[in-house]
Amino acid sequence: MPYARNIDLPENVLKDLPAPAQETYRKAFNNAWNNYRQADAEALEDVAHLVAWASVEQNFHKTPRGQWVPD
């Protein structure tokens, strides 16, 4: 299911990512959800989460202290 607000994101995303990265994640997830709707529900959610994390990793990097910061 697409996420309407960042607060609706999975707990690990909220815990690990700062607000700008959460926004990137949410937008990428929702876009993937809409683009791959023809997949079965379980696969669709898995694919959308993979796309969302890939988008975060393209725009942010994790510091040695474990913080995600913009590139």
PDB file of N, CA and C in Angstrom:
ATOM      1  N   MET A   1       0.823  -1.172   0.000  1.00  0.00           N
ATOM      2  CA  MET A   1       0.000   0.000   0.000  1.00  0.00           C
ATOM      3  C   MET A   1       0.873   1.244   0.000  1.00  0.00           C
ATOM      4  N   PRO A   2       0.559   2.207  -0.803  1.00  0.00           N
ATOM      5  CA  PRO A   2       1.336   3.454  -0.811  1.00  0.00           C
ATOM      6  C   PRO A   2       1.242   4.158   0.549  1.00  0.00           C
ATOM      7  N   TYR A   3       2.235   4.954   0.827  1.00  0.00           N
ATOM      8  CA  TYR A   3       2.293   5.687   2.087  1.00  0.00           C
ATOM      9  C   TYR A   3       1.880   7.135   1.853  1.00  0.00           C
ATOM     10  N   ALA A   4       0.880   7.599   2.585  1.00  0.00           N
ATOM     11  CA  ALA A   4       0.383   8.965   2.434  1.00  0.00           C
ATOM     12  C   ALA A   4       1.300   9.977   3.127  1.00  0.00           C
ATOM     13  N   ARG A   5       1.897   9.548   4.246  1.00  0.00           N
ATOM     14  CA  ARG A   5       2.737  10.448   5.031  1.00  0.00           C
ATOM     15  C   ARG A   5       3.986   9.696   5.487  1.00  0.00           C
ATOM     16  N   ASN A   6       5.037  10.436   5.771  1.00  0.00           N
ATOM     17  CA  ASN A   6       6.264   9.794   6.240  1.00  0.00           C
ATOM     18  C   ASN A   6       6.030   9.021   7.532  1.00  0.00           C
ATOM     19  N   ILE A   7       5.184   9.505   8.403  1.00  0.00           N
ATOM     20  CA  ILE A   7       4.928   8.845   9.688  1.00  0.00           C
ATOM     21  C   ILE A   7       4.349   7.445   9.500  1.00  0.00           C
ATOM     22  N   ASP A   8       3.806   7.169   8.330  1.00  0.00           N
ATOM     23  CA  ASP A   8       3.229   5.856   8.030  1.00  0.00           C
ATOM     24  C   ASP A   8       4.269   4.841   7.554  1.00  0.00           C
ATOM     25  N   LEU A   9       5.493   5.280   7.328  1.00  0.00           N
ATOM     26  CA  LEU A   9       6.546   4.395   6.824  1.00  0.00           C
ATOM     27  C   LEU A   9       6.885   3.313   7.853  1.00  0.00           C
ATOM     28  N   PRO A  10       7.524   2.223   7.409  1.00  0.00           N
ATOM     29  CA  PRO A  10       7.928   1.175   8.348  1.00  0.00           C
ATOM     30  C   PRO A  10       8.844   1.730   9.451  1.00  0.00           C
ATOM     31  N   GLU A  11       8.767   1.116  10.598  1.00  0.00           N
ATOM     32  CA  GLU A  11       9.523   1.582  11.767  1.00  0.00           C
ATOM     33  C   GLU A  11      11.016   1.707  11.495  1.00  0.00           C
ATOM     34  N   ASN A  12      11.601   0.725  10.780  1.00  0.00           N
ATOM     35  CA  ASN A  12      13.043   0.795  10.524  1.00  0.00           C
ATOM     36  C   ASN A  12      13.406   1.999   9.655  1.00  0.00           C
ATOM     37  N   VAL A  13      12.545   2.384   8.746  1.00  0.00           N
ATOM     38  CA  VAL A  13      12.800   3.556   7.899  1.00  0.00           C
ATOM     39  C   VAL A  13      12.736   4.818   8.754  1.00  0.00           C
ATOM     40  N   LEU A  14      11.721   4.914   9.601  1.00  0.00           N
ATOM     41  CA  LEU A  14      11.587   6.079  10.468  1.00  0.00           C
ATOM     42  C   LEU A  14      12.757   6.199  11.436  1.00  0.00           C
ATOM     43  N   LYS A  15      13.215   5.059  11.941  1.00  0.00           N
ATOM     44  CA  LYS A  15      14.302   5.053  12.922  1.00  0.00           C
ATOM     45  C   LYS A  15      15.653   5.374  12.281  1.00  0.00           C
ATOM     46  N   ASP A  16      15.905   4.834  11.091  1.00  0.00           N
ATOM     47  CA  ASP A  16      17.230   4.925  10.490  1.00  0.00           C
ATOM     48  C   ASP A  16      17.457   6.145   9.601  1.00  0.00           C
ATOM     49  N   LEU A  17      16.388   6.698   9.021  1.00  0.00           N
ATOM     50  CA  LEU A  17      16.563   7.748   8.024  1.00  0.00           C
ATOM     51  C   LEU A  17      16.101   9.105   8.531  1.00  0.00           C
ATOM     52  N   PRO A  18      16.843  10.172   8.173  1.00  0.00           N
ATOM     53  CA  PRO A  18      16.372  11.517   8.496  1.00  0.00           C
ATOM     54  C   PRO A  18      15.184  11.875   7.596  1.00  0.00           C
ATOM     55  N   ALA A  19      14.477  12.920   7.948  1.00  0.00           N
ATOM     56  CA  ALA A  19      13.259  13.313   7.231  1.00  0.00           C
ATOM     57  C   ALA A  19      13.444  13.438   5.719  1.00  0.00           C
ATOM     58  N   PRO A  20      14.516  14.074   5.220  1.00  0.00           N
ATOM     59  CA  PRO A  20      14.646  14.168   3.754  1.00  0.00           C
ATOM     60  C   PRO A  20      14.794  12.799   3.079  1.00  0.00           C
ATOM     61  N   ALA A  21      15.486  11.876   3.731  1.00  0.00           N
ATOM     62  CA  ALA A  21      15.640  10.531   3.175  1.00  0.00           C
ATOM     63  C   ALA A  21      14.331   9.751   3.287  1.00  0.00           C
ATOM     64  N   GLN A  22      13.567   9.993   4.339  1.00  0.00           N
ATOM     65  CA  GLN A  22      12.252   9.369   4.461  1.00  0.00           C
ATOM     66  C   GLN A  22      11.353   9.814   3.317  1.00  0.00           C
ATOM     67  N   GLU A  23      11.422  11.086   2.979  1.00  0.00           N
ATOM     68  CA  GLU A  23      10.621  11.615   1.872  1.00  0.00           C
ATOM     69  C   GLU A  23      11.025  10.948   0.557  1.00  0.00           C
ATOM     70  N   THR A  24      12.333  10.793   0.338  1.00  0.00           N
ATOM     71  CA  THR A  24      12.835  10.108  -0.857  1.00  0.00           C
ATOM     72  C   THR A  24      12.314   8.681  -0.887  1.00  0.00           C
ATOM     73  N   TYR A  25      12.402   7.995   0.232  1.00  0.00           N
ATOM     74  CA  TYR A  25      11.941   6.612   0.337  1.00  0.00           C
ATOM     75  C   TYR A  25      10.454   6.521   0.009  1.00  0.00           C
ATOM     76  N   ARG A  26       9.651   7.378   0.638  1.00  0.00           N
ATOM     77  CA  ARG A  26       8.194   7.336   0.454  1.00  0.00           C
ATOM     78  C   ARG A  26       7.816   7.586  -1.003  1.00  0.00           C
ATOM     79  N   LYS A  27       8.417   8.588  -1.614  1.00  0.00           N
ATOM     80  CA  LYS A  27       8.091   8.901  -3.012  1.00  0.00           C
ATOM     81  C   LYS A  27       8.507   7.764  -3.944  1.00  0.00           C
ATOM     82  N   ALA A  28       9.684   7.188  -3.719  1.00  0.00           N
ATOM     83  CA  ALA A  28      10.142   6.087  -4.563  1.00  0.00           C
ATOM     84  C   ALA A  28       9.273   4.852  -4.372  1.00  0.00           C
ATOM     85  N   PHE A  29       8.918   4.552  -3.125  1.00  0.00           N
ATOM     86  CA  PHE A  29       8.046   3.413  -2.848  1.00  0.00           C
ATOM     87  C   PHE A  29       6.712   3.585  -3.564  1.00  0.00           C
ATOM     88  N   ASN A  30       6.096   4.746  -3.404  1.00  0.00           N
ATOM     89  CA  ASN A  30       4.787   4.986  -4.013  1.00  0.00           C
ATOM     90  C   ASN A  30       4.856   4.923  -5.535  1.00  0.00           C
ATOM     91  N   ASN A  31       5.925   5.448  -6.106  1.00  0.00           N
ATOM     92  CA  ASN A  31       6.100   5.400  -7.554  1.00  0.00           C
ATOM     93  C   ASN A  31       6.245   3.952  -8.028  1.00  0.00           C
ATOM     94  N   ALA A  32       7.066   3.172  -7.326  1.00  0.00           N
ATOM     95  CA  ALA A  32       7.241   1.764  -7.696  1.00  0.00           C
ATOM     96  C   ALA A  32       5.921   1.013  -7.537  1.00  0.00           C
ATOM     97  N   TRP A  33       5.193   1.292  -6.479  1.00  0.00           N
ATOM     98  CA  TRP A  33       3.903   0.639  -6.248  1.00  0.00           C
ATOM     99  C   TRP A  33       2.980   0.879  -7.439  1.00  0.00           C
ATOM    100  N   ASN A  34       2.929   2.116  -7.896  1.00  0.00           N
ATOM    101  CA  ASN A  34       2.053   2.458  -9.026  1.00  0.00           C
ATOM    102  C   ASN A  34       2.544   1.855 -10.337  1.00  0.00           C
ATOM    103  N   ASN A  35       3.846   1.775 -10.520  1.00  0.00           N
ATOM    104  CA  ASN A  35       4.403   1.257 -11.775  1.00  0.00           C
ATOM    105  C   ASN A  35       4.373  -0.265 -11.876  1.00  0.00           C
ATOM    106  N   TYR A  36       4.382  -0.958 -10.754  1.00  0.00           N
ATOM    107  CA  TYR A  36       4.431  -2.425 -10.766  1.00  0.00           C
ATOM    108  C   TYR A  36       3.153  -3.053 -10.222  1.00  0.00           C
ATOM    109  N   ARG A  37       2.044  -2.347 -10.307  1.00  0.00           N
ATOM    110  CA  ARG A  37       0.768  -2.819  -9.749  1.00  0.00           C
ATOM    111  C   ARG A  37       0.334  -4.184 -10.260  1.00  0.00           C
ATOM    112  N   GLN A  38       0.776  -4.568 -11.445  1.00  0.00           N
ATOM    113  CA  GLN A  38       0.336  -5.843 -12.011  1.00  0.00           C
ATOM    114  C   GLN A  38       0.970  -7.047 -11.303  1.00  0.00           C
ATOM    115  N   ALA A  39       1.988  -6.837 -10.490  1.00  0.00           N
ATOM    116  CA  ALA A  39       2.612  -7.936  -9.749  1.00  0.00           C
ATOM    117  C   ALA A  39       1.688  -8.377  -8.617  1.00  0.00           C
ATOM    118  N   ASP A  40       1.887  -9.616  -8.146  1.00  0.00           N
ATOM    119  CA  ASP A  40       1.069 -10.059  -7.018  1.00  0.00           C
ATOM    120  C   ASP A  40       1.419  -9.221  -5.787  1.00  0.00           C
ATOM    121  N   ALA A  41       0.520  -9.158  -4.846  1.00  0.00           N
ATOM    122  CA  ALA A  41       0.621  -8.226  -3.719  1.00  0.00           C
ATOM    123  C   ALA A  41       1.920  -8.372  -2.928  1.00  0.00           C
ATOM    124  N   GLU A  42       2.310  -9.590  -2.617  1.00  0.00           N
ATOM    125  CA  GLU A  42       3.531  -9.797  -1.826  1.00  0.00           C
ATOM    126  C   GLU A  42       4.764  -9.359  -2.601  1.00  0.00           C
ATOM    127  N   ALA A  43       4.842  -9.740  -3.856  1.00  0.00           N
ATOM    128  CA  ALA A  43       5.982  -9.342  -4.683  1.00  0.00           C
ATOM    129  C   ALA A  43       5.993  -7.837  -4.895  1.00  0.00           C
ATOM    130  N   LEU A  44       4.834  -7.251  -5.065  1.00  0.00           N
ATOM    131  CA  LEU A  44       4.738  -5.811  -5.284  1.00  0.00           C
ATOM    132  C   LEU A  44       5.321  -5.039  -4.107  1.00  0.00           C
ATOM    133  N   GLU A  45       4.963  -5.410  -2.911  1.00  0.00           N
ATOM    134  CA  GLU A  45       5.487  -4.709  -1.737  1.00  0.00           C
ATOM    135  C   GLU A  45       6.996  -4.895  -1.617  1.00  0.00           C
ATOM    136  N   ASP A  46       7.489  -6.110  -1.844  1.00  0.00           N
ATOM    137  CA  ASP A  46       8.934  -6.368  -1.784  1.00  0.00           C
ATOM    138  C   ASP A  46       9.679  -5.524  -2.811  1.00  0.00           C
ATOM    139  N   VAL A  47       9.183  -5.501  -4.037  1.00  0.00           N
ATOM    140  CA  VAL A  47       9.831  -4.728  -5.098  1.00  0.00           C
ATOM    141  C   VAL A  47       9.807  -3.240  -4.769  1.00  0.00           C
ATOM    142  N   ALA A  48       8.679  -2.753  -4.288  1.00  0.00           N
ATOM    143  CA  ALA A  48       8.576  -1.334  -3.967  1.00  0.00           C
ATOM    144  C   ALA A  48       9.551  -0.945  -2.859  1.00  0.00           C
ATOM    145  N   HIS A  49       9.737  -1.801  -1.846  1.00  0.00           N
ATOM    146  CA  HIS A  49      10.709  -1.505  -0.789  1.00  0.00           C
ATOM    147  C   HIS A  49      12.140  -1.528  -1.346  1.00  0.00           C
ATOM    148  N   LEU A  50      12.444  -2.468  -2.219  1.00  0.00           N
ATOM    149  CA  LEU A  50      13.781  -2.511  -2.827  1.00  0.00           C
ATOM    150  C   LEU A  50      14.057  -1.262  -3.647  1.00  0.00           C
ATOM    151  N   VAL A  51      13.094  -0.832  -4.427  1.00  0.00           N
ATOM    152  CA  VAL A  51      13.244   0.389  -5.235  1.00  0.00           C
ATOM    153  C   VAL A  51      13.435   1.597  -4.319  1.00  0.00           C
ATOM    154  N   ALA A  52      12.665   1.653  -3.251  1.00  0.00           N
ATOM    155  CA  ALA A  52      12.758   2.786  -2.332  1.00  0.00           C
ATOM    156  C   ALA A  52      14.137   2.861  -1.675  1.00  0.00           C
ATOM    157  N   TRP A  53      14.666   1.723  -1.211  1.00  0.00           N
ATOM    158  CA  TRP A  53      15.999   1.735  -0.611  1.00  0.00           C
ATOM    159  C   TRP A  53      17.061   2.109  -1.640  1.00  0.00           C
ATOM    160  N   ALA A  54      16.918   1.616  -2.863  1.00  0.00           N
ATOM    161  CA  ALA A  54      17.882   1.967  -3.916  1.00  0.00           C
ATOM    162  C   ALA A  54      17.869   3.467  -4.167  1.00  0.00           C
ATOM    163  N   SER A  55      16.707   4.075  -4.140  1.00  0.00           N
ATOM    164  CA  SER A  55      16.611   5.516  -4.331  1.00  0.00           C
ATOM    165  C   SER A  55      17.298   6.272  -3.199  1.00  0.00           C
ATOM    166  N   VAL A  56      17.087   5.826  -1.978  1.00  0.00           N
ATOM    167  CA  VAL A  56      17.769   6.454  -0.838  1.00  0.00           C
ATOM    168  C   VAL A  56      19.281   6.330  -1.015  1.00  0.00           C
ATOM    169  N   GLU A  57      19.750   5.141  -1.375  1.00  0.00           N
ATOM    170  CA  GLU A  57      21.193   4.911  -1.519  1.00  0.00           C
ATOM    171  C   GLU A  57      21.801   5.709  -2.671  1.00  0.00           C
ATOM    172  N   GLN A  58      21.012   6.105  -3.642  1.00  0.00           N
ATOM    173  CA  GLN A  58      21.512   6.934  -4.741  1.00  0.00           C
ATOM    174  C   GLN A  58      21.633   8.392  -4.339  1.00  0.00           C
ATOM    175  N   ASN A  59      20.875   8.809  -3.346  1.00  0.00           N
ATOM    176  CA  ASN A  59      20.838  10.216  -2.970  1.00  0.00           C
ATOM    177  C   ASN A  59      21.440  10.529  -1.606  1.00  0.00           C
ATOM    178  N   PHE A  60      21.710   9.498  -0.829  1.00  0.00           N
ATOM    179  CA  PHE A  60      22.254   9.656   0.519  1.00  0.00           C
ATOM    180  C   PHE A  60      23.349   8.618   0.723  1.00  0.00           C
ATOM    181  N   HIS A  61      24.206   8.858   1.695  1.00  0.00           N
ATOM    182  CA  HIS A  61      25.174   7.827   2.073  1.00  0.00           C
ATOM    183  C   HIS A  61      25.215   7.745   3.592  1.00  0.00           C
ATOM    184  N   LYS A  62      25.641   6.595   4.060  1.00  0.00           N
ATOM    185  CA  LYS A  62      25.693   6.336   5.493  1.00  0.00           C
ATOM    186  C   LYS A  62      27.096   6.654   5.991  1.00  0.00           C
ATOM    187  N   THR A  63      27.180   7.491   7.008  1.00  0.00           N
ATOM    188  CA  THR A  63      28.474   7.853   7.580  1.00  0.00           C
ATOM    189  C   THR A  63      28.987   6.707   8.451  1.00  0.00           C
ATOM    190  N   PRO A  64      30.269   6.752   8.802  1.00  0.00           N
ATOM    191  CA  PRO A  64      30.790   5.718   9.698  1.00  0.00           C
ATOM    192  C   PRO A  64      30.050   5.650  11.036  1.00  0.00           C
ATOM    193  N   ARG A  65      29.403   6.744  11.426  1.00  0.00           N
ATOM    194  CA  ARG A  65      28.637   6.761  12.675  1.00  0.00           C
ATOM    195  C   ARG A  65      27.215   6.253  12.480  1.00  0.00           C
ATOM    196  N   GLY A  66      26.887   5.830  11.245  1.00  0.00           N
ATOM    197  CA  GLY A  66      25.585   5.252  10.985  1.00  0.00           C
ATOM    198  C   GLY A  66      24.493   6.235  10.619  1.00  0.00           C
ATOM    199  N   GLN A  67      24.853   7.484  10.359  1.00  0.00           N
ATOM    200  CA  GLN A  67      23.865   8.485   9.979  1.00  0.00           C
ATOM    201  C   GLN A  67      23.765   8.586   8.470  1.00  0.00           C
ATOM    202  N   TRP A  68      22.535   8.731   7.964  1.00  0.00           N
ATOM    203  CA  TRP A  68      22.322   8.934   6.541  1.00  0.00           C
ATOM    204  C   TRP A  68      22.349  10.439   6.252  1.00  0.00           C
ATOM    205  N   VAL A  69      23.218  10.834   5.318  1.00  0.00           N
ATOM    206  CA  VAL A  69      23.342  12.249   4.961  1.00  0.00           C
ATOM    207  C   VAL A  69      23.255  12.371   3.430  1.00  0.00           C
ATOM    208  N   PRO A  70      22.794  13.534   2.944  1.00  0.00           N
ATOM    209  CA  PRO A  70      22.689  13.726   1.502  1.00  0.00           C
ATOM    210  C   PRO A  70      24.064  13.656   0.835  1.00  0.00           C
ATOM    211  N   ASP A  71      24.096  13.191  -0.385  1.00  0.00           N
ATOM    212  CA  ASP A  71      25.348  13.171  -1.157  1.00  0.00           C
ATOM    213  C   ASP A  71      25.712  14.566  -1.615  1.00  0.00           C
TER     214      ASP A  71
END
